[in-house]
Amino acid sequence: MLLKNNAVRLAETLKGVETMTRFALAVLSLASGVYTYLGVRGLLDGSPTFVFFGAIIYAAAVSVAIYAFWTFMLRFVPLVTTLFQRLSLFLVMIIGCLMIMAMSSWLNAAALAGSAALEQHLAETLAGYAADLDDAHANALASQSLLPDVQRASDRFAKLAADERDSGALTGTTGSGSVVQLLTQMSTQMDELAKTITGSQEKVAALFDEGSGHLKAMRDLLSAGGEIGPRSDQFSAEVVQLAAVIAALQETSVAPSVKRAAADLSLGFIAPVANGGTVDLQTRQDQAMDSVKTSVTAQSQALSTAADQILSQPPIPQRRFQPLSAAEAVLRYWSDFIPSWAGAISIDLLPVVLVLVLMVVNDAMRRDTGQLDEAESISAAEMLRAMALFRQMAAVAPAEPIAAVVAIAPETSAPPAEQPPAPATPVAVADGGDATITPIDVNQRKRNDGPLRP
């Protein structure tokens, strides 16, 4: 009786929670439909009316599909008993779960974490453009590092020209001659190159300040409140202007100009004709100009090497800002929003737990009631006939063990024909008194028998 009571108790409990199960399934389906509507609304383009009705229809279809699918699973999975049937339904349930995640869960995640994912996309874009601006500025400043070398070469040529003019340091003869003219010419070229490098400093500083202003505006948009859509549009406008500033910074590099000027120093070197009054002075002037040419060639090689080192640095790649929708941002940065994904999937797949619970409870009920199949199927008439047979056997052979009841013929067996009823036999009562038990005929009338005839 304990097992029977447990099975009955389980059945009553299942019947009691059936309404709650339907209500929970309806609420989960409705919640999934609402978040699906919020997610799909950002993917549709067109008029507001078209977007509204399109999102409503899709969300309603998702809600109905989820409710119908899990209703089928809750009804059928707990009832099947064979291993093949259960494996088949489990396979169907897995396919259905994948389809639900494909049509609903990722949209739920977009509704839950879409704004945060878009802000992260803007933050990573901001970090990338900030790095590009710093690299472009560093390359521009690297070109400025050539200025000290150029100024030093210019000062050296100017000093040699002054020494030659004042004391004849190179030819031994004072005055302005061909050597002084050549040295002055080299110093002038270096000064012009230095002015070119110096002039680019102001432009580089101005461009860097402009780019920093765009970065500040992008940071303000990222940290500001309100809807992410308008802020994303303004962010895109700032990105376009910042990309133009980065490209301009790369074009301000004077390294190519320095390299060309350095090559002109040696390749375009033109020595003036010695104009000394004597052959000896002309010879010394030629020797001095050869020395100047060697020095100019060395200086040209040094500047070319320094310019090549700057030019060997990789250029800043042109970065493109790609605007994303909330759903696309959630898919791209899914690893950063695992809790949101877990919540979105749980809304759709929580009924799996209910299916498994019902399956276990139904198995327990089948196991408990399976041990009382005969007791559950016996009728009241059969019980009365069994009691009558027991009393008759007790009157005929009271000393026999009670286990002899097992030998009673089944219900379908015909009772002995033409056998008179056994006489009443006194049987001892539990309190020590005597009582007479009247046996009940096994072949007593049934409920559907006709009336007795005399």
Protein backbone atom coordinates (compact mmCIF):
# COMPACT_ATOMS: atom_id res chain seq x y z
CA MET A 1 0.00 0.00 0.00
CA LEU A 2 2.91 2.34 0.60
CA LEU A 3 4.08 2.05 -2.99
CA LYS A 4 0.57 2.51 -4.23
CA ASN A 5 0.10 5.59 -2.09
CA ASN A 6 3.40 7.02 -3.39
CA ALA A 7 2.35 6.53 -7.00
CA VAL A 8 -1.01 8.11 -6.32
CA ARG A 9 0.67 10.98 -4.56
CA LEU A 10 2.96 11.58 -7.55
CA ALA A 11 0.00 11.49 -9.94
CA GLU A 12 -1.93 13.98 -7.85
CA THR A 13 1.11 16.28 -7.64
CA LEU A 14 1.57 16.18 -11.42
CA LYS A 15 -2.07 17.04 -11.90
CA GLY A 16 -1.70 19.91 -9.44
CA VAL A 17 1.32 21.48 -11.17
CA GLU A 18 -0.05 21.05 -14.70
CA THR A 19 -1.62 24.52 -14.68
CA MET A 20 1.54 26.04 -13.27
CA THR A 21 3.59 24.32 -15.97
CA ARG A 22 1.43 25.75 -18.72
CA PHE A 23 1.56 29.21 -17.14
CA ALA A 24 5.37 29.09 -16.80
CA LEU A 25 5.76 27.93 -20.40
CA ALA A 26 3.49 30.74 -21.62
CA VAL A 27 5.42 33.36 -19.64
CA LEU A 28 8.79 32.11 -20.93
CA SER A 29 7.48 32.12 -24.51
CA LEU A 30 6.15 35.65 -24.08
CA ALA A 31 9.42 36.89 -22.58
CA SER A 32 11.38 35.36 -25.44
CA GLY A 33 9.02 37.00 -27.93
CA VAL A 34 9.43 40.43 -26.32
CA TYR A 35 13.21 40.30 -26.39
CA THR A 36 13.12 38.88 -29.91
CA TYR A 37 11.04 41.90 -30.93
CA LEU A 38 13.59 44.27 -29.38
CA GLY A 39 16.43 42.48 -31.14
CA VAL A 40 14.88 42.21 -34.58
CA ARG A 41 13.68 45.82 -34.57
CA GLY A 42 17.26 47.03 -35.01
CA LEU A 43 17.82 44.78 -38.02
CA LEU A 44 14.89 45.94 -40.15
CA ASP A 45 15.04 48.94 -42.44
CA GLY A 46 12.15 50.94 -43.78
CA SER A 47 9.33 53.04 -42.48
CA PRO A 48 8.49 52.92 -38.74
CA THR A 49 5.21 51.17 -39.50
CA PHE A 50 6.91 48.46 -41.53
CA VAL A 51 9.55 47.93 -38.87
CA PHE A 52 6.94 47.74 -36.10
CA PHE A 53 4.65 45.22 -37.79
CA GLY A 54 7.54 43.18 -39.15
CA ALA A 55 9.11 42.85 -35.71
CA ILE A 56 5.73 42.10 -34.07
CA ILE A 57 4.92 39.32 -36.56
CA TYR A 58 8.34 37.73 -36.20
CA ALA A 59 8.22 37.90 -32.39
CA ALA A 60 4.70 36.40 -32.32
CA ALA A 61 5.81 33.56 -34.58
CA VAL A 62 8.76 32.84 -32.31
CA SER A 63 6.57 32.83 -29.18
CA VAL A 64 4.03 30.44 -30.73
CA ALA A 65 6.75 28.16 -32.06
CA ILE A 66 8.49 27.95 -28.69
CA TYR A 67 5.23 27.30 -26.82
CA ALA A 68 4.08 24.63 -29.28
CA PHE A 69 7.44 22.87 -29.40
CA TRP A 70 7.86 22.63 -25.63
CA THR A 71 4.23 21.61 -25.20
CA PHE A 72 4.84 18.66 -27.51
CA MET A 73 8.01 17.75 -25.64
CA LEU A 74 6.33 17.99 -22.23
CA ARG A 75 3.48 15.77 -23.43
CA PHE A 76 5.31 13.03 -25.28
CA VAL A 77 8.81 12.61 -23.84
CA PRO A 78 7.65 11.48 -20.35
CA LEU A 79 5.28 8.89 -21.86
CA VAL A 80 7.67 6.88 -24.02
CA THR A 81 9.44 3.98 -22.33
CA THR A 82 11.72 2.25 -24.82
CA LEU A 83 15.30 3.39 -25.31
CA PHE A 84 14.92 3.90 -29.06
CA GLN A 85 11.83 6.07 -28.65
CA ARG A 86 13.49 8.24 -26.06
CA LEU A 87 16.66 8.65 -28.10
CA SER A 88 14.55 9.64 -31.11
CA LEU A 89 12.67 12.27 -29.12
CA PHE A 90 15.90 13.54 -27.57
CA LEU A 91 17.35 13.95 -31.07
CA VAL A 92 14.26 15.89 -32.11
CA MET A 93 14.54 18.02 -28.98
CA ILE A 94 18.21 18.82 -29.72
CA ILE A 95 17.35 19.88 -33.27
CA GLY A 96 14.52 22.03 -31.94
CA CYS A 97 16.80 23.68 -29.37
CA LEU A 98 19.29 24.57 -32.10
CA MET A 99 16.54 26.06 -34.23
CA ILE A 100 15.24 28.07 -31.26
CA MET A 101 18.71 29.47 -30.57
CA ALA A 102 19.10 30.33 -34.25
CA MET A 103 15.82 32.21 -34.54
CA SER A 104 15.49 33.70 -31.06
CA SER A 105 18.38 33.38 -28.60
CA TRP A 106 20.88 35.56 -30.43
CA LEU A 107 18.23 38.25 -30.86
CA ASN A 108 17.49 38.02 -27.14
CA ALA A 109 21.20 38.51 -26.47
CA ALA A 110 21.19 41.50 -28.81
CA ALA A 111 18.33 43.04 -26.85
CA LEU A 112 20.05 42.35 -23.51
CA ALA A 113 23.60 43.43 -24.40
CA GLY A 114 23.31 45.26 -27.74
CA SER A 115 24.07 48.73 -26.39
CA ALA A 116 27.02 47.50 -24.36
CA ALA A 117 28.41 45.62 -27.36
CA LEU A 118 28.14 48.72 -29.56
CA GLU A 119 29.92 50.80 -26.92
CA GLN A 120 32.69 48.22 -26.80
CA HIS A 121 32.98 48.38 -30.58
CA LEU A 122 33.32 52.15 -30.39
CA ALA A 123 35.86 51.83 -27.58
CA GLU A 124 38.05 49.44 -29.56
CA THR A 125 37.79 51.68 -32.62
CA LEU A 126 38.80 54.66 -30.51
CA ALA A 127 41.81 52.79 -29.14
CA GLY A 128 42.88 51.83 -32.67
CA TYR A 129 42.67 55.37 -34.03
CA ALA A 130 44.48 56.74 -30.98
CA ALA A 131 47.35 54.32 -31.63
CA ASP A 132 47.42 55.30 -35.33
CA LEU A 133 47.60 58.99 -34.42
CA ASP A 134 50.49 58.36 -32.02
CA ASP A 135 52.37 56.31 -34.61
CA ALA A 136 51.90 58.92 -37.33
CA HIS A 137 53.04 61.65 -34.96
CA ALA A 138 56.08 59.58 -33.95
CA ASN A 139 57.04 59.07 -37.61
CA ALA A 140 56.72 62.80 -38.21
CA LEU A 141 58.92 63.55 -35.19
CA ALA A 142 61.47 61.02 -36.41
CA SER A 143 61.94 63.16 -39.49
CA GLN A 144 62.59 66.12 -37.20
CA SER A 145 65.48 64.19 -35.68
CA LEU A 146 67.45 64.86 -38.90
CA LEU A 147 67.48 68.58 -38.15
CA PRO A 148 70.49 68.53 -35.77
CA ASP A 149 72.62 66.64 -38.32
CA VAL A 150 71.72 69.11 -41.07
CA GLN A 151 72.38 72.14 -38.87
CA ARG A 152 75.69 70.69 -37.74
CA ALA A 153 76.81 70.15 -41.36
CA SER A 154 75.75 73.68 -42.29
CA ASP A 155 77.67 75.16 -39.37
CA ARG A 156 80.77 73.16 -40.25
CA PHE A 157 80.78 74.34 -43.86
CA ALA A 158 80.17 77.95 -42.78
CA LYS A 159 83.02 77.78 -40.27
CA LEU A 160 85.42 76.33 -42.87
CA ALA A 161 84.48 79.15 -45.26
CA ALA A 162 85.15 81.74 -42.59
CA ASP A 163 88.49 80.17 -41.66
CA GLU A 164 89.56 80.01 -45.28
CA ARG A 165 88.56 83.60 -45.85
CA ASP A 166 90.23 84.93 -42.71
CA SER A 167 93.29 82.74 -42.32
CA GLY A 168 93.57 80.57 -45.44
CA ALA A 169 93.09 77.40 -43.41
CA LEU A 170 92.68 75.21 -46.50
CA THR A 171 94.80 76.82 -49.22
CA GLY A 172 97.18 78.87 -47.13
CA THR A 173 95.98 82.07 -48.77
CA THR A 174 93.47 84.40 -47.22
CA GLY A 175 90.62 86.01 -49.10
CA SER A 176 87.49 84.94 -50.86
CA GLY A 177 88.31 82.54 -53.62
CA SER A 178 86.85 79.43 -55.21
CA VAL A 179 87.13 77.37 -52.00
CA VAL A 180 85.31 79.95 -49.92
CA GLN A 181 82.66 80.19 -52.60
CA LEU A 182 82.17 76.37 -52.60
CA LEU A 183 81.99 76.11 -48.82
CA THR A 184 79.51 78.95 -48.62
CA GLN A 185 77.39 77.25 -51.29
CA MET A 186 77.29 73.98 -49.29
CA SER A 187 76.40 75.83 -46.10
CA THR A 188 73.56 77.61 -47.85
CA GLN A 189 72.10 74.35 -49.15
CA MET A 190 72.20 72.85 -45.67
CA ASP A 191 70.49 75.92 -44.25
CA GLU A 192 67.69 75.63 -46.78
CA LEU A 193 67.22 71.96 -45.87
CA ALA A 194 67.18 72.87 -42.18
CA LYS A 195 64.52 75.51 -42.83
CA THR A 196 62.41 72.88 -44.62
CA ILE A 197 62.60 70.56 -41.61
CA THR A 198 61.91 73.39 -39.17
CA GLY A 199 58.92 74.57 -41.19
CA SER A 200 57.33 71.11 -40.96
CA GLN A 201 57.47 71.17 -37.15
CA GLU A 202 54.69 73.71 -36.86
CA LYS A 203 52.51 71.79 -39.30
CA VAL A 204 53.07 68.52 -37.44
CA ALA A 205 52.19 70.13 -34.11
CA ALA A 206 49.03 71.68 -35.56
CA LEU A 207 47.89 68.40 -37.08
CA PHE A 208 48.54 66.51 -33.86
CA ASP A 209 46.51 69.05 -31.88
CA GLU A 210 43.65 68.70 -34.34
CA GLY A 211 43.75 64.92 -34.11
CA SER A 212 43.80 65.09 -30.31
CA GLY A 213 40.68 67.25 -30.45
CA HIS A 214 38.87 64.63 -32.52
CA LEU A 215 39.94 61.91 -30.09
CA LYS A 216 38.58 63.94 -27.19
CA ALA A 217 35.25 64.36 -28.96
CA MET A 218 35.12 60.60 -29.59
CA ARG A 219 35.81 59.87 -25.92
CA ASP A 220 33.06 62.25 -24.87
CA LEU A 221 30.58 60.51 -27.18
CA LEU A 222 31.60 57.13 -25.83
CA SER A 223 31.12 58.10 -22.19
CA ALA A 224 27.96 60.15 -22.72
CA GLY A 225 24.52 58.83 -21.85
CA GLY A 226 21.48 58.38 -24.04
CA GLU A 227 20.75 56.13 -26.98
CA ILE A 228 23.72 54.55 -28.65
CA GLY A 229 22.45 55.11 -32.22
CA PRO A 230 22.83 58.92 -32.45
CA ARG A 231 26.12 58.76 -30.57
CA SER A 232 27.41 56.16 -33.01
CA ASP A 233 26.55 58.43 -35.95
CA GLN A 234 28.45 61.36 -34.45
CA PHE A 235 31.31 59.03 -33.64
CA SER A 236 31.51 58.01 -37.31
CA ALA A 237 31.78 61.67 -38.36
CA GLU A 238 34.66 62.23 -35.96
CA VAL A 239 36.37 59.09 -37.23
CA VAL A 240 36.34 60.38 -40.81
CA GLN A 241 38.00 63.65 -39.80
CA LEU A 242 40.57 61.89 -37.64
CA ALA A 243 41.51 59.55 -40.49
CA ALA A 244 42.18 62.60 -42.67
CA VAL A 245 44.44 64.07 -39.98
CA ILE A 246 46.42 60.82 -39.71
CA ALA A 247 46.89 60.73 -43.48
CA ALA A 248 48.08 64.35 -43.46
CA LEU A 249 50.57 63.58 -40.70
CA GLN A 250 52.09 60.83 -42.78
CA GLU A 251 52.46 63.22 -45.72
CA THR A 252 54.30 65.83 -43.62
CA SER A 253 57.33 63.60 -43.19
CA VAL A 254 60.42 65.36 -44.53
CA ALA A 255 62.47 62.17 -44.68
CA PRO A 256 61.96 61.77 -48.45
CA SER A 257 62.90 65.41 -48.98
CA VAL A 258 66.05 65.04 -46.87
CA LYS A 259 67.06 61.96 -48.79
CA ARG A 260 66.65 63.72 -52.12
CA ALA A 261 68.59 66.76 -50.85
CA ALA A 262 71.36 64.51 -49.56
CA ALA A 263 71.60 62.80 -52.94
CA ASP A 264 71.83 66.19 -54.66
CA LEU A 265 74.77 67.16 -52.45
CA SER A 266 76.98 64.48 -53.92
CA LEU A 267 75.47 63.84 -57.34
CA GLY A 268 74.90 67.50 -58.14
CA PHE A 269 78.22 68.69 -56.73
CA ILE A 270 79.72 71.36 -59.05
CA ALA A 271 83.11 72.66 -58.05
CA PRO A 272 83.98 76.18 -59.22
CA VAL A 273 87.05 76.81 -61.34
CA ALA A 274 90.15 77.64 -59.37
CA ASN A 275 90.69 81.40 -59.69
CA GLY A 276 94.03 81.75 -57.98
CA GLY A 277 96.56 84.23 -59.38
CA THR A 278 99.31 81.63 -59.54
CA VAL A 279 99.49 78.05 -60.65
CA ASP A 280 100.54 76.98 -57.16
CA LEU A 281 97.47 78.63 -55.63
CA GLN A 282 95.19 77.08 -58.22
CA THR A 283 96.67 73.68 -57.43
CA ARG A 284 96.05 74.19 -53.74
CA GLN A 285 92.51 75.37 -54.46
CA ASP A 286 91.81 72.22 -56.50
CA GLN A 287 93.14 70.07 -53.66
CA ALA A 288 90.96 71.90 -51.14
CA MET A 289 87.88 71.55 -53.33
CA ASP A 290 88.57 67.81 -53.68
CA SER A 291 88.66 67.59 -49.90
CA VAL A 292 85.37 69.53 -49.69
CA LYS A 293 83.83 67.19 -52.25
CA THR A 294 84.90 64.14 -50.18
CA SER A 295 83.40 65.71 -47.06
CA VAL A 296 80.18 66.56 -48.89
CA THR A 297 79.92 62.98 -50.16
CA ALA A 298 80.37 61.61 -46.64
CA GLN A 299 77.78 64.02 -45.28
CA SER A 300 75.39 63.09 -48.06
CA GLN A 301 75.82 59.39 -47.28
CA ALA A 302 75.17 59.96 -43.58
CA LEU A 303 71.97 61.92 -44.24
CA SER A 304 70.76 59.34 -46.76
CA THR A 305 71.31 56.53 -44.26
CA ALA A 306 69.41 58.38 -41.54
CA ALA A 307 66.55 59.14 -43.95
CA ASP A 308 66.43 55.48 -45.06
CA GLN A 309 66.04 54.35 -41.45
CA ILE A 310 63.05 56.62 -41.06
CA LEU A 311 61.54 55.57 -44.37
CA SER A 312 62.02 51.88 -43.53
CA GLN A 313 59.38 52.14 -40.82
CA PRO A 314 56.08 50.58 -41.97
CA PRO A 315 53.44 53.11 -42.96
CA ILE A 316 50.31 53.48 -40.88
CA PRO A 317 47.60 51.31 -42.49
CA GLN A 318 44.42 53.02 -43.48
CA ARG A 319 41.84 51.99 -40.88
CA ARG A 320 38.17 51.75 -41.81
CA PHE A 321 35.43 52.22 -39.29
CA GLN A 322 32.61 49.74 -39.84
CA PRO A 323 29.30 50.67 -38.17
CA LEU A 324 27.58 47.65 -36.63
CA SER A 325 24.08 46.88 -35.53
CA ALA A 326 23.40 45.68 -32.00
CA ALA A 327 23.02 42.06 -33.14
CA GLU A 328 26.24 42.15 -35.18
CA ALA A 329 28.14 43.69 -32.28
CA VAL A 330 26.89 40.99 -29.91
CA LEU A 331 28.01 38.28 -32.33
CA ARG A 332 31.43 39.85 -32.86
CA TYR A 333 32.15 40.42 -29.16
CA TRP A 334 30.26 37.40 -27.83
CA SER A 335 33.09 36.29 -25.53
CA ASP A 336 32.79 39.53 -23.55
CA PHE A 337 29.06 39.06 -22.93
CA ILE A 338 28.80 35.42 -21.87
CA PRO A 339 26.40 36.20 -18.96
CA SER A 340 24.00 37.93 -21.36
CA TRP A 341 24.21 34.99 -23.76
CA ALA A 342 23.53 32.59 -20.88
CA GLY A 343 20.42 34.53 -19.86
CA ALA A 344 19.14 34.78 -23.42
CA ILE A 345 19.57 31.05 -24.05
CA SER A 346 18.13 30.09 -20.66
CA ILE A 347 14.85 31.88 -21.44
CA ASP A 348 14.37 29.65 -24.48
CA LEU A 349 15.78 26.36 -23.15
CA LEU A 350 14.60 26.36 -19.54
CA PRO A 351 11.68 24.00 -20.42
CA VAL A 352 14.30 21.27 -20.98
CA VAL A 353 14.50 21.03 -17.19
CA LEU A 354 10.73 20.62 -16.97
CA VAL A 355 10.81 17.86 -19.59
CA LEU A 356 13.47 15.95 -17.66
CA VAL A 357 11.59 16.35 -14.37
CA LEU A 358 8.37 14.99 -15.87
CA MET A 359 10.26 12.11 -17.44
CA VAL A 360 11.79 11.09 -14.10
CA VAL A 361 8.48 11.40 -12.23
CA ASN A 362 6.61 9.33 -14.81
CA ASP A 363 9.29 6.65 -14.62
CA ALA A 364 8.90 6.56 -10.84
CA MET A 365 5.13 6.24 -11.15
CA ARG A 366 5.43 3.39 -13.64
CA ARG A 367 7.93 1.61 -11.41
CA ASP A 368 5.76 1.95 -8.31
CA THR A 369 2.45 0.99 -9.91
CA GLY A 370 4.03 -1.89 -11.82
CA GLN A 371 4.40 -3.87 -8.61
CA LEU A 372 0.61 -3.69 -7.88
CA ASP A 373 -0.91 -4.45 -11.26
CA GLU A 374 -3.19 -7.25 -9.96
CA ALA A 375 -4.28 -5.26 -6.92
CA GLU A 376 -5.08 -2.24 -9.06
CA SER A 377 -7.22 -4.26 -11.48
CA ILE A 378 -9.34 -6.35 -9.01
CA SER A 379 -13.04 -5.47 -8.67
CA ALA A 380 -15.28 -5.49 -5.59
CA ALA A 381 -17.16 -8.59 -6.77
CA GLU A 382 -13.90 -10.46 -7.19
CA MET A 383 -12.86 -9.43 -3.72
CA LEU A 384 -16.15 -10.73 -2.22
CA ARG A 385 -15.85 -14.07 -4.04
CA ALA A 386 -12.26 -14.44 -2.82
CA MET A 387 -13.36 -13.82 0.76
CA ALA A 388 -16.16 -16.38 0.43
CA LEU A 389 -13.80 -19.02 -0.91
CA PHE A 390 -11.41 -18.32 1.94
CA ARG A 391 -14.17 -18.82 4.52
CA GLN A 392 -15.30 -22.05 2.91
CA MET A 393 -11.76 -23.39 2.94
CA ALA A 394 -11.35 -22.36 6.56
CA ALA A 395 -14.55 -24.25 7.47
CA VAL A 396 -13.60 -27.43 5.62
CA ALA A 397 -9.93 -27.65 6.59
CA PRO A 398 -9.13 -25.15 9.33
CA ALA A 399 -5.79 -26.76 10.05
CA GLU A 400 -4.41 -26.22 6.56
CA PRO A 401 -2.06 -23.27 6.08
CA ILE A 402 -3.44 -20.06 4.71
CA ALA A 403 -1.04 -20.37 1.75
CA ALA A 404 -3.50 -22.82 0.23
CA VAL A 405 -5.49 -19.84 -0.96
CA VAL A 406 -2.99 -19.55 -3.78
CA ALA A 407 -4.41 -22.72 -5.30
CA ILE A 408 -7.83 -21.15 -5.85
CA ALA A 409 -8.83 -21.33 -9.49
CA PRO A 410 -8.75 -18.07 -11.46
CA GLU A 411 -11.76 -15.95 -11.96
CA THR A 412 -12.48 -17.35 -15.39
CA SER A 413 -12.67 -20.95 -14.18
CA ALA A 414 -16.17 -22.30 -13.89
CA PRO A 415 -17.24 -23.25 -10.36
CA PRO A 416 -18.11 -26.89 -9.66
CA ALA A 417 -21.51 -27.70 -11.01
CA GLU A 418 -24.34 -29.21 -8.93
CA GLN A 419 -22.36 -28.85 -5.69
CA PRO A 420 -24.58 -28.13 -2.69
CA PRO A 421 -23.56 -25.32 -0.41
CA ALA A 422 -21.48 -26.29 2.56
CA PRO A 423 -23.26 -26.32 5.87
CA ALA A 424 -22.59 -23.66 8.38
CA THR A 425 -19.73 -24.54 10.62
CA PRO A 426 -19.05 -23.01 13.96
CA VAL A 427 -15.83 -21.04 14.05
CA ALA A 428 -14.10 -19.76 17.13
CA VAL A 429 -14.27 -16.04 17.59
CA ALA A 430 -11.25 -14.10 18.73
CA ASP A 431 -12.75 -13.26 22.11
CA GLY A 432 -13.38 -16.93 22.95
CA GLY A 433 -17.10 -17.07 21.98
CA ASP A 434 -18.71 -19.19 19.31
CA ALA A 435 -20.15 -17.90 16.08
CA THR A 436 -21.75 -19.46 13.07
CA ILE A 437 -20.44 -18.34 9.67
CA THR A 438 -22.71 -18.85 6.73
CA PRO A 439 -20.67 -19.52 3.60
CA ILE A 440 -21.33 -17.46 0.52
CA ASP A 441 -22.03 -19.29 -2.68
CA VAL A 442 -19.29 -18.67 -5.21
CA ASN A 443 -21.79 -18.79 -8.04
CA GLN A 444 -23.88 -15.99 -6.59
CA ARG A 445 -25.88 -13.77 -8.82
CA LYS A 446 -24.13 -11.02 -10.64
CA ARG A 447 -25.36 -7.53 -11.16
CA ASN A 448 -26.45 -8.16 -14.73
CA ASP A 449 -28.28 -11.47 -14.05
CA GLY A 450 -32.02 -11.66 -14.60
CA PRO A 451 -34.61 -11.93 -11.83
CA LEU A 452 -34.93 -15.17 -9.88
CA ARG A 453 -37.55 -17.61 -11.02
CA PRO A 454 -39.39 -19.86 -8.60
